[in-house]
């Protein structure tokens, strides 16, 4: 009985520690270009791989345009 309680306690501790470390990642704020590309993808009704490809191309072009202005 005591072994099973200790084992359950150790498992709970390990699980909770994993959850804490998983939440420690930092999220970058979205850029204006990224948000605009998402809006354009929404307007076109893109999903999945097509949306991913469109957004990548859109963001690259947006970054080039911003660079040439500055």
C-alpha atoms as a PDB file:
ATOM      1  CA  UNK A   1       0.000   0.000   0.000  1.00  0.00           C
ATOM      2  CA  UNK A   2       2.763   2.443   0.963  1.00  0.00           C
ATOM      3  CA  UNK A   3       4.717   1.692  -2.207  1.00  0.00           C
ATOM      4  CA  UNK A   4       1.741   2.438  -4.428  1.00  0.00           C
ATOM      5  CA  UNK A   5       1.095   5.750  -2.634  1.00  0.00           C
ATOM      6  CA  UNK A   6       4.741   6.757  -3.020  1.00  0.00           C
ATOM      7  CA  UNK A   7       4.750   5.728  -6.665  1.00  0.00           C
ATOM      8  CA  UNK A   8       1.575   7.686  -7.357  1.00  0.00           C
ATOM      9  CA  UNK A   9       3.022  10.728  -5.590  1.00  0.00           C
ATOM     10  CA  UNK A  10       6.253  10.519  -7.588  1.00  0.00           C
ATOM     11  CA  UNK A  11       4.330  10.207 -10.849  1.00  0.00           C
ATOM     12  CA  UNK A  12       2.179  13.230  -9.981  1.00  0.00           C
ATOM     13  CA  UNK A  13       5.265  15.268  -9.120  1.00  0.00           C
ATOM     14  CA  UNK A  14       6.992  14.317 -12.374  1.00  0.00           C
ATOM     15  CA  UNK A  15       3.879  15.171 -14.398  1.00  0.00           C
ATOM     16  CA  UNK A  16       3.409  18.567 -12.754  1.00  0.00           C
ATOM     17  CA  UNK A  17       7.093  19.458 -13.202  1.00  0.00           C
ATOM     18  CA  UNK A  18       6.834  18.637 -16.916  1.00  0.00           C
ATOM     19  CA  UNK A  19       3.789  20.873 -17.282  1.00  0.00           C
ATOM     20  CA  UNK A  20       5.602  23.789 -15.618  1.00  0.00           C
ATOM     21  CA  UNK A  21       8.622  23.485 -17.917  1.00  0.00           C
ATOM     22  CA  UNK A  22       6.414  23.235 -21.004  1.00  0.00           C
ATOM     23  CA  UNK A  23       4.794  26.593 -20.178  1.00  0.00           C
ATOM     24  CA  UNK A  24       8.150  28.358 -19.837  1.00  0.00           C
ATOM     25  CA  UNK A  25       8.539  28.986 -23.595  1.00  0.00           C
ATOM     26  CA  UNK A  26       8.456  32.574 -24.798  1.00  0.00           C
ATOM     27  CA  UNK A  27       6.038  33.587 -27.523  1.00  0.00           C
ATOM     28  CA  UNK A  28       7.097  36.227 -30.016  1.00  0.00           C
ATOM     29  CA  UNK A  29       4.552  38.970 -30.692  1.00  0.00           C
ATOM     30  CA  UNK A  30       3.046  38.850 -34.178  1.00  0.00           C
ATOM     31  CA  UNK A  31       4.179  41.471 -36.646  1.00  0.00           C
ATOM     32  CA  UNK A  32       1.861  43.697 -38.657  1.00  0.00           C
ATOM     33  CA  UNK A  33       2.946  41.857 -41.824  1.00  0.00           C
ATOM     34  CA  UNK A  34       2.052  38.490 -40.280  1.00  0.00           C
ATOM     35  CA  UNK A  35      -1.384  39.695 -39.218  1.00  0.00           C
ATOM     36  CA  UNK A  36      -2.077  41.211 -42.643  1.00  0.00           C
ATOM     37  CA  UNK A  37      -1.024  37.976 -44.368  1.00  0.00           C
ATOM     38  CA  UNK A  38      -3.374  36.011 -42.113  1.00  0.00           C
ATOM     39  CA  UNK A  39      -6.244  38.338 -43.015  1.00  0.00           C
ATOM     40  CA  UNK A  40      -5.515  37.859 -46.715  1.00  0.00           C
ATOM     41  CA  UNK A  41      -5.393  34.068 -46.283  1.00  0.00           C
ATOM     42  CA  UNK A  42      -8.735  34.198 -44.439  1.00  0.00           C
ATOM     43  CA  UNK A  43     -10.273  36.246 -47.247  1.00  0.00           C
ATOM     44  CA  UNK A  44      -9.111  33.649 -49.781  1.00  0.00           C
ATOM     45  CA  UNK A  45     -10.447  30.817 -47.617  1.00  0.00           C
ATOM     46  CA  UNK A  46      -7.076  29.057 -47.465  1.00  0.00           C
ATOM     47  CA  UNK A  47      -6.440  26.189 -45.050  1.00  0.00           C
ATOM     48  CA  UNK A  48      -3.676  23.719 -44.332  1.00  0.00           C
ATOM     49  CA  UNK A  49      -0.659  23.490 -46.608  1.00  0.00           C
ATOM     50  CA  UNK A  50      -1.967  26.090 -49.059  1.00  0.00           C
ATOM     51  CA  UNK A  51      -2.427  28.622 -46.234  1.00  0.00           C
ATOM     52  CA  UNK A  52       1.020  27.893 -44.826  1.00  0.00           C
ATOM     53  CA  UNK A  53       2.670  28.376 -48.236  1.00  0.00           C
ATOM     54  CA  UNK A  54       0.701  31.552 -48.931  1.00  0.00           C
ATOM     55  CA  UNK A  55       1.571  33.103 -45.557  1.00  0.00           C
ATOM     56  CA  UNK A  56       5.267  32.264 -45.908  1.00  0.00           C
ATOM     57  CA  UNK A  57       5.435  33.885 -49.356  1.00  0.00           C
ATOM     58  CA  UNK A  58       3.380  36.865 -48.198  1.00  0.00           C
ATOM     59  CA  UNK A  59       5.578  37.457 -45.150  1.00  0.00           C
ATOM     60  CA  UNK A  60       8.785  37.228 -47.237  1.00  0.00           C
ATOM     61  CA  UNK A  61       7.426  39.775 -49.716  1.00  0.00           C
ATOM     62  CA  UNK A  62       6.235  42.007 -46.868  1.00  0.00           C
ATOM     63  CA  UNK A  63       9.664  41.925 -45.244  1.00  0.00           C
ATOM     64  CA  UNK A  64      11.337  42.830 -48.566  1.00  0.00           C
ATOM     65  CA  UNK A  65       8.928  45.740 -49.079  1.00  0.00           C
ATOM     66  CA  UNK A  66       9.526  47.042 -45.558  1.00  0.00           C
ATOM     67  CA  UNK A  67      13.290  46.770 -46.054  1.00  0.00           C
ATOM     68  CA  UNK A  68      13.232  48.714 -49.329  1.00  0.00           C
ATOM     69  CA  UNK A  69      11.189  51.514 -47.714  1.00  0.00           C
ATOM     70  CA  UNK A  70      13.598  51.906 -44.810  1.00  0.00           C
END
